[in-house]
């Protein structure tokens, strides 16, 4: 009976991870149409996306306090429902200013949900008594791929943005409601002390936070610049250029599905070090030999290398002594998400100054730093 309940808990958390990725991909894939409908130039739509990123960045440190004082189940429920109900509103906003405010709200809901559902995942992991965090993150990646596919279908059949977003949100909401009924109730496990709303990261989590920063900056760099690199640096044709991003994202998703098996065999510290080395080798190939098929292989290795790093970082933070799972994860996620937010514009600036190849060298240096930190973490935890 207990095993059946834990399996339901795990499926419920999987639903939230999958729905998060599914909804994100559905609305972000139609961003050009959103931009055109409000006559926004590239700078204006960039500000809208920045509002979403800022919403998430503000929510993450605040989420640890909310979870500590209310339990991760309650915050997961509120954030999940808010996300499902706010996305359809994109089709009804009258102008770019209100669109920016709505994207801030969506970003805030996404950032809060990210921390809360990972706190739930840590509790499921503790109940099962073996590493399973990477499988949750694999469901997010799978949700994104499914969302991108469904968005392509809605666009292909010329279904309006409004009906599209209402349909996918109602579909997601039905699953989320089932998930709500089977999340772990942790209100009775709240810490007795009342923490501050904003807390600086604990010194013990700074190393794993910096590892997450390097990894998530690399994820953002690959997601935003790999197609550009394939097309303009590696001289890939227009039809083959997007295959680099496909290689990166597919390798990351597939590796995450198998990541827990490898974690059980190697342990977290060895896997962190190995994955960091693989990511650095992959990006090194991309920069050293800018030939389409070599770049394709290099991006596949980068996706493989980065796949388990953030799940391990979150799992480590969620089990930090003296902190609730929500507090630990929020500290590490805030540092990591700062890398995801800052990476693309930094690389864009460096590319304008020198070249995209030079700019991605900055990312490679961070991968080397990530490798060094992972060995330091291994030494300290040995």
Protein backbone atom coordinates (compact mmCIF):
# COMPACT_ATOMS: atom_id res chain seq x y z
CA UNK A 1 0.00 0.00 0.00
CA UNK A 2 2.83 2.35 0.92
CA UNK A 3 4.64 1.53 -2.34
CA UNK A 4 1.48 2.29 -4.31
CA UNK A 5 1.17 5.67 -2.58
CA UNK A 6 4.82 6.54 -3.31
CA UNK A 7 4.30 5.60 -6.97
CA UNK A 8 1.32 7.97 -7.10
CA UNK A 9 3.42 10.69 -5.46
CA UNK A 10 6.12 10.17 -8.09
CA UNK A 11 3.61 10.26 -10.96
CA UNK A 12 2.05 13.43 -9.54
CA UNK A 13 5.41 15.22 -9.45
CA UNK A 14 6.19 13.93 -12.96
CA UNK A 15 2.93 15.53 -14.15
CA UNK A 16 3.98 18.94 -12.83
CA UNK A 17 7.42 18.69 -14.46
CA UNK A 18 5.91 17.58 -17.78
CA UNK A 19 3.13 20.18 -17.75
CA UNK A 20 5.64 22.95 -16.99
CA UNK A 21 7.76 22.09 -20.04
CA UNK A 22 4.71 21.42 -22.23
CA UNK A 23 3.07 24.79 -21.53
CA UNK A 24 6.34 26.71 -21.88
CA UNK A 25 7.08 25.25 -25.32
CA UNK A 26 3.53 25.86 -26.56
CA UNK A 27 3.51 29.60 -25.94
CA UNK A 28 7.18 30.30 -26.62
CA UNK A 29 6.99 28.53 -30.00
CA UNK A 30 4.36 31.06 -31.11
CA UNK A 31 6.36 34.05 -29.94
CA UNK A 32 6.74 35.43 -33.51
CA UNK A 33 2.95 35.55 -33.82
CA UNK A 34 2.63 37.18 -30.40
CA UNK A 35 5.21 39.74 -31.47
CA UNK A 36 3.47 40.45 -34.78
CA UNK A 37 0.00 40.77 -33.23
CA UNK A 38 1.20 43.64 -31.04
CA UNK A 39 3.54 45.17 -33.66
CA UNK A 40 6.53 44.82 -31.34
CA UNK A 41 10.07 45.21 -32.66
CA UNK A 42 12.87 42.88 -31.53
CA UNK A 43 13.87 45.21 -28.70
CA UNK A 44 10.32 45.37 -27.34
CA UNK A 45 9.78 41.60 -27.42
CA UNK A 46 13.18 41.24 -25.76
CA UNK A 47 11.91 43.39 -22.89
CA UNK A 48 8.81 41.19 -22.63
CA UNK A 49 11.02 38.12 -22.33
CA UNK A 50 13.22 39.95 -19.83
CA UNK A 51 10.11 40.63 -17.72
CA UNK A 52 9.41 36.88 -17.64
CA UNK A 53 13.00 36.11 -16.65
CA UNK A 54 12.96 38.75 -13.92
CA UNK A 55 9.69 37.36 -12.59
CA UNK A 56 11.28 33.92 -12.25
CA UNK A 57 14.49 35.31 -10.76
CA UNK A 58 12.55 37.25 -8.10
CA UNK A 59 10.31 34.26 -7.33
CA UNK A 60 13.11 31.76 -6.72
CA UNK A 61 14.65 33.13 -3.50
CA UNK A 62 11.19 34.05 -2.21
CA UNK A 63 9.92 30.52 -2.88
CA UNK A 64 12.21 28.97 -0.27
CA UNK A 65 10.62 31.12 2.43
CA UNK A 66 7.10 30.43 1.16
CA UNK A 67 7.71 26.68 1.13
CA UNK A 68 9.30 26.71 4.59
CA UNK A 69 6.28 28.47 6.06
CA UNK A 70 3.50 26.83 4.01
CA UNK A 71 4.81 23.49 2.77
CA UNK A 72 5.87 22.62 -0.77
CA UNK A 73 2.54 20.97 -1.63
CA UNK A 74 0.54 24.15 -1.10
CA UNK A 75 3.01 26.27 -3.09
CA UNK A 76 3.18 23.69 -5.91
CA UNK A 77 -0.63 23.71 -6.13
CA UNK A 78 -0.89 27.51 -6.19
CA UNK A 79 1.95 28.00 -8.70
CA UNK A 80 0.74 25.17 -10.96
CA UNK A 81 -2.81 26.50 -11.10
CA UNK A 82 -1.59 30.06 -11.63
CA UNK A 83 0.55 28.93 -14.57
CA UNK A 84 -2.29 26.98 -16.21
CA UNK A 85 -4.73 29.87 -15.80
CA UNK A 86 -2.41 32.72 -16.84
CA UNK A 87 -1.09 31.35 -20.16
CA UNK A 88 -4.46 31.55 -22.01
CA UNK A 89 -4.56 35.26 -21.16
CA UNK A 90 -1.75 35.85 -23.68
CA UNK A 91 -4.37 35.74 -26.44
CA UNK A 92 -6.46 38.49 -24.84
CA UNK A 93 -3.95 41.20 -23.84
CA UNK A 94 -4.55 44.51 -25.66
CA UNK A 95 -1.01 45.89 -25.90
CA UNK A 96 2.68 45.25 -25.34
CA UNK A 97 2.82 46.87 -21.89
CA UNK A 98 0.18 44.56 -20.45
CA UNK A 99 1.83 41.65 -22.28
CA UNK A 100 5.04 42.44 -20.38
CA UNK A 101 3.17 42.44 -17.06
CA UNK A 102 1.52 39.14 -17.93
CA UNK A 103 4.89 37.60 -18.86
CA UNK A 104 6.27 38.80 -15.52
CA UNK A 105 3.40 36.95 -13.81
CA UNK A 106 4.01 33.83 -15.90
CA UNK A 107 7.72 33.99 -15.07
CA UNK A 108 6.93 34.41 -11.37
CA UNK A 109 4.59 31.38 -11.47
CA UNK A 110 7.17 29.32 -13.38
CA UNK A 111 10.01 30.22 -11.01
CA UNK A 112 7.90 29.42 -7.95
CA UNK A 113 6.71 26.13 -9.45
CA UNK A 114 10.28 25.18 -10.35
CA UNK A 115 11.39 25.39 -6.71
CA UNK A 116 8.24 23.85 -5.20
CA UNK A 117 8.01 20.85 -7.53
CA UNK A 118 11.74 20.14 -7.07
CA UNK A 119 11.17 20.21 -3.29
CA UNK A 120 8.41 17.63 -3.81
CA UNK A 121 10.80 15.62 -5.99
CA UNK A 122 13.39 15.57 -3.19
CA UNK A 123 10.79 14.16 -0.78
CA UNK A 124 9.81 11.44 -3.28
CA UNK A 125 13.51 10.66 -3.75
CA UNK A 126 13.92 10.31 0.02
CA UNK A 127 10.87 8.03 0.22
CA UNK A 128 12.13 5.76 -2.56
CA UNK A 129 15.65 5.86 -1.06
CA UNK A 130 17.50 6.01 -4.36
CA UNK A 131 18.43 8.75 -6.87
CA UNK A 132 15.53 9.60 -9.20
CA UNK A 133 15.89 13.37 -9.66
CA UNK A 134 17.16 13.24 -13.24
CA UNK A 135 14.05 11.34 -14.35
CA UNK A 136 11.86 14.25 -13.19
CA UNK A 137 13.93 16.68 -15.24
CA UNK A 138 13.70 14.29 -18.19
CA UNK A 139 9.92 14.69 -18.03
CA UNK A 140 10.36 18.46 -18.28
CA UNK A 141 12.48 17.98 -21.41
CA UNK A 142 9.94 15.51 -22.83
CA UNK A 143 7.15 17.98 -22.07
CA UNK A 144 9.02 20.67 -23.98
CA UNK A 145 9.45 18.44 -27.02
CA UNK A 146 5.77 17.45 -26.92
CA UNK A 147 4.81 21.11 -26.55
CA UNK A 148 6.93 22.13 -29.51
CA UNK A 149 5.29 19.39 -31.58
CA UNK A 150 1.74 20.33 -30.58
CA UNK A 151 2.47 23.99 -31.25
CA UNK A 152 3.68 23.07 -34.73
CA UNK A 153 0.41 21.20 -35.35
CA UNK A 154 -1.74 24.10 -34.14
CA UNK A 155 0.23 26.44 -36.39
CA UNK A 156 0.06 24.04 -39.35
CA UNK A 157 -3.74 23.87 -39.16
CA UNK A 158 -3.95 27.65 -38.67
CA UNK A 159 -5.71 27.45 -35.31
CA UNK A 160 -5.72 30.85 -33.62
CA UNK A 161 -3.28 31.59 -30.81
CA UNK A 162 -6.14 32.12 -28.35
CA UNK A 163 -7.82 28.74 -29.01
CA UNK A 164 -4.43 27.05 -29.08
CA UNK A 165 -3.40 28.30 -25.64
CA UNK A 166 -6.82 27.66 -24.11
CA UNK A 167 -6.78 24.08 -25.42
CA UNK A 168 -3.32 23.16 -24.15
CA UNK A 169 -3.94 24.88 -20.81
CA UNK A 170 -7.21 23.00 -20.21
CA UNK A 171 -5.48 19.75 -21.21
CA UNK A 172 -2.63 20.47 -18.77
CA UNK A 173 -5.02 21.59 -16.05
CA UNK A 174 -6.86 18.25 -16.15
CA UNK A 175 -3.59 16.41 -15.47
CA UNK A 176 -2.46 18.93 -12.87
CA UNK A 177 -5.70 18.54 -10.90
CA UNK A 178 -5.08 14.78 -10.68
CA UNK A 179 -1.50 15.50 -9.63
CA UNK A 180 -2.65 17.88 -6.89
CA UNK A 181 -4.57 15.05 -5.23
CA UNK A 182 -1.43 12.90 -4.97
CA UNK A 183 1.34 15.30 -3.97
CA UNK A 184 3.10 14.67 -0.67
CA UNK A 185 1.46 16.63 2.15
CA UNK A 186 4.38 18.25 3.97
CA UNK A 187 2.59 20.94 5.99
CA UNK A 188 3.34 18.95 9.12
CA UNK A 189 7.05 18.97 8.24
CA UNK A 190 7.42 22.76 8.13
CA UNK A 191 10.38 24.12 10.05
CA UNK A 192 9.50 25.57 13.43
CA UNK A 193 11.58 28.69 12.87
CA UNK A 194 10.27 31.46 10.68
CA UNK A 195 12.87 32.31 8.10
CA UNK A 196 13.49 35.57 6.30
CA UNK A 197 11.79 36.10 2.96
CA UNK A 198 15.17 36.61 1.25
CA UNK A 199 18.30 34.81 2.42
CA UNK A 200 21.77 34.73 0.97
CA UNK A 201 22.95 31.28 -0.11
CA UNK A 202 24.63 29.21 2.60
CA UNK A 203 28.40 28.97 2.22
CA UNK A 204 28.09 25.18 1.99
CA UNK A 205 25.96 25.54 -1.14
CA UNK A 206 28.09 28.08 -2.98
CA UNK A 207 30.19 25.49 -4.84
CA UNK A 208 27.17 23.49 -6.05
CA UNK A 209 25.45 26.81 -6.86
CA UNK A 210 28.39 27.89 -9.03
CA UNK A 211 28.33 24.52 -10.78
CA UNK A 212 24.63 25.08 -11.52
CA UNK A 213 25.46 28.61 -12.76
CA UNK A 214 28.04 27.30 -15.26
CA UNK A 215 25.73 24.53 -16.41
CA UNK A 216 22.63 26.68 -16.88
CA UNK A 217 24.59 29.40 -18.66
CA UNK A 218 25.78 26.67 -21.01
CA UNK A 219 22.22 25.41 -21.50
CA UNK A 220 21.04 28.91 -22.39
CA UNK A 221 23.98 29.42 -24.73
CA UNK A 222 23.32 26.19 -26.62
CA UNK A 223 19.57 26.79 -26.82
CA UNK A 224 19.96 30.33 -28.14
CA UNK A 225 23.11 30.20 -30.27
CA UNK A 226 23.68 26.66 -31.57
CA UNK A 227 21.60 27.11 -34.73
CA UNK A 228 23.28 30.44 -35.44
CA UNK A 229 26.70 28.81 -34.99
CA UNK A 230 25.81 25.91 -37.30
CA UNK A 231 24.58 28.29 -39.99
CA UNK A 232 27.14 31.11 -39.87
CA UNK A 233 30.32 29.54 -38.44
CA UNK A 234 30.10 25.89 -39.51
CA UNK A 235 28.52 26.79 -42.88
CA UNK A 236 25.71 24.25 -42.49
CA UNK A 237 22.78 24.59 -44.88
CA UNK A 238 19.51 26.14 -43.64
CA UNK A 239 17.85 22.72 -43.42
CA UNK A 240 20.70 21.14 -41.44
CA UNK A 241 21.48 24.07 -39.13
CA UNK A 242 18.61 23.36 -36.67
CA UNK A 243 19.85 19.78 -36.29
CA UNK A 244 22.51 21.03 -33.88
CA UNK A 245 19.86 22.19 -31.42
CA UNK A 246 17.98 18.92 -31.95
CA UNK A 247 21.16 16.96 -31.14
CA UNK A 248 21.73 18.97 -27.97
CA UNK A 249 18.15 18.80 -26.66
CA UNK A 250 17.56 15.15 -27.61
CA UNK A 251 20.82 14.01 -26.01
CA UNK A 252 19.94 15.89 -22.84
CA UNK A 253 16.46 14.36 -22.64
CA UNK A 254 17.55 10.78 -23.39
CA UNK A 255 20.50 11.01 -20.97
CA UNK A 256 18.20 12.29 -18.23
CA UNK A 257 15.95 9.27 -18.59
CA UNK A 258 18.98 7.05 -17.98
CA UNK A 259 20.73 9.40 -15.58
CA UNK A 260 19.41 7.88 -12.36
CA UNK A 261 20.73 4.44 -13.35
CA UNK A 262 24.21 5.94 -13.82
CA UNK A 263 23.90 7.92 -10.55
CA UNK A 264 23.22 4.69 -8.71
CA UNK A 265 26.35 3.12 -10.22
CA UNK A 266 28.84 6.01 -10.02
CA UNK A 267 27.53 8.29 -7.29
CA UNK A 268 26.83 12.00 -7.64
CA UNK A 269 30.36 13.36 -7.32
CA UNK A 270 31.88 11.04 -9.93
CA UNK A 271 29.00 11.68 -12.32
CA UNK A 272 29.31 15.45 -11.89
CA UNK A 273 33.00 15.30 -12.76
CA UNK A 274 32.49 12.95 -15.70
CA UNK A 275 29.61 14.94 -17.16
CA UNK A 276 31.52 18.22 -16.80
CA UNK A 277 34.45 16.74 -18.72
CA UNK A 278 32.13 15.42 -21.47
CA UNK A 279 30.47 18.84 -21.84
CA UNK A 280 33.86 20.56 -22.08
CA UNK A 281 35.14 18.06 -24.67
CA UNK A 282 31.94 18.48 -26.71
CA UNK A 283 32.12 22.26 -26.80
CA UNK A 284 35.85 22.05 -27.49
CA UNK A 285 35.06 20.01 -30.62
CA UNK A 286 32.44 22.57 -31.67
CA UNK A 287 34.95 25.43 -31.45
CA UNK A 288 38.05 23.60 -32.70
CA UNK A 289 36.54 21.96 -35.80
CA UNK A 290 33.66 24.07 -37.20
CA UNK A 291 32.47 21.44 -39.68
CA UNK A 292 28.71 20.69 -39.62
CA UNK A 293 28.88 17.00 -38.67
CA UNK A 294 31.61 17.60 -36.10
CA UNK A 295 29.61 20.45 -34.57
CA UNK A 296 26.55 18.17 -34.54
CA UNK A 297 28.55 15.52 -32.63
CA UNK A 298 30.00 18.15 -30.30
CA UNK A 299 26.56 19.55 -29.43
CA UNK A 300 25.31 16.02 -28.79
CA UNK A 301 28.17 15.56 -26.29
CA UNK A 302 27.37 18.91 -24.65
CA UNK A 303 23.74 17.83 -24.16
CA UNK A 304 24.89 14.48 -22.75
CA UNK A 305 27.35 16.20 -20.42
CA UNK A 306 24.98 18.83 -19.05
CA UNK A 307 22.05 16.44 -18.62
CA UNK A 308 22.50 15.35 -15.01
CA UNK A 309 24.26 18.37 -13.52
CA UNK A 310 21.28 20.52 -12.53
CA UNK A 311 19.24 17.54 -11.19
CA UNK A 312 22.22 16.53 -9.02
CA UNK A 313 22.68 20.13 -7.88
CA UNK A 314 19.01 20.39 -6.88
CA UNK A 315 19.09 17.00 -5.15
CA UNK A 316 22.20 17.99 -3.20
CA UNK A 317 20.69 21.34 -2.21
CA UNK A 318 17.38 19.74 -1.24
CA UNK A 319 19.20 17.45 1.18
CA UNK A 320 21.44 20.15 2.71
CA UNK A 321 21.53 19.82 6.52
CA UNK A 322 19.72 22.51 8.52
CA UNK A 323 17.63 23.68 5.56
CA UNK A 324 14.24 22.65 4.24
CA UNK A 325 14.31 21.23 0.67
CA UNK A 326 12.63 24.42 -0.58
CA UNK A 327 15.23 26.69 1.03
CA UNK A 328 18.21 24.73 -0.26
CA UNK A 329 16.87 24.37 -3.77
CA UNK A 330 15.85 28.04 -3.97
CA UNK A 331 19.38 29.14 -3.07
CA UNK A 332 21.06 26.97 -5.70
CA UNK A 333 18.36 27.59 -8.33
CA UNK A 334 18.66 31.37 -7.95
CA UNK A 335 22.42 31.23 -8.61
CA UNK A 336 21.93 28.81 -11.50
CA UNK A 337 19.08 30.71 -13.12
CA UNK A 338 21.17 33.88 -13.03
CA UNK A 339 23.53 32.08 -15.41
CA UNK A 340 20.65 31.08 -17.69
CA UNK A 341 19.45 34.70 -17.70
CA UNK A 342 22.84 36.38 -18.17
CA UNK A 343 24.41 33.90 -20.59
CA UNK A 344 22.66 34.70 -23.89
CA UNK A 345 23.13 38.51 -23.70
CA UNK A 346 26.77 38.14 -22.60
CA UNK A 347 27.45 35.84 -25.54
CA UNK A 348 25.61 38.23 -27.86
CA UNK A 349 27.78 41.13 -26.67
CA UNK A 350 31.00 39.13 -27.10
CA UNK A 351 29.86 37.95 -30.54
CA UNK A 352 29.26 41.55 -31.65
CA UNK A 353 32.65 42.54 -30.26
CA UNK A 354 34.63 39.67 -31.81
CA UNK A 355 32.78 36.64 -33.21
CA UNK A 356 30.34 33.96 -32.08
CA UNK A 357 33.17 31.45 -32.01
CA UNK A 358 35.11 33.71 -29.64
CA UNK A 359 31.98 34.29 -27.55
CA UNK A 360 31.37 30.57 -27.02
CA UNK A 361 34.96 30.25 -25.82
CA UNK A 362 33.70 32.07 -22.71
CA UNK A 363 31.21 29.23 -22.21
CA UNK A 364 33.98 26.66 -22.65
CA UNK A 365 36.02 28.38 -19.93
CA UNK A 366 33.01 28.11 -17.62
CA UNK A 367 32.75 24.38 -18.43
CA UNK A 368 36.41 24.03 -17.42
CA UNK A 369 35.64 25.91 -14.20
CA UNK A 370 32.65 23.63 -13.65
CA UNK A 371 34.93 20.60 -14.02
CA UNK A 372 37.41 22.00 -11.49
CA UNK A 373 34.61 22.78 -9.02
CA UNK A 374 33.13 19.30 -9.41
CA UNK A 375 36.49 17.75 -8.50
CA UNK A 376 36.74 20.12 -5.52
CA UNK A 377 33.25 19.11 -4.44
CA UNK A 378 34.27 15.46 -4.79
CA UNK A 379 37.34 16.06 -2.64
CA UNK A 380 35.41 17.95 0.03
CA UNK A 381 32.64 15.35 0.24
CA UNK A 382 34.91 12.32 0.10
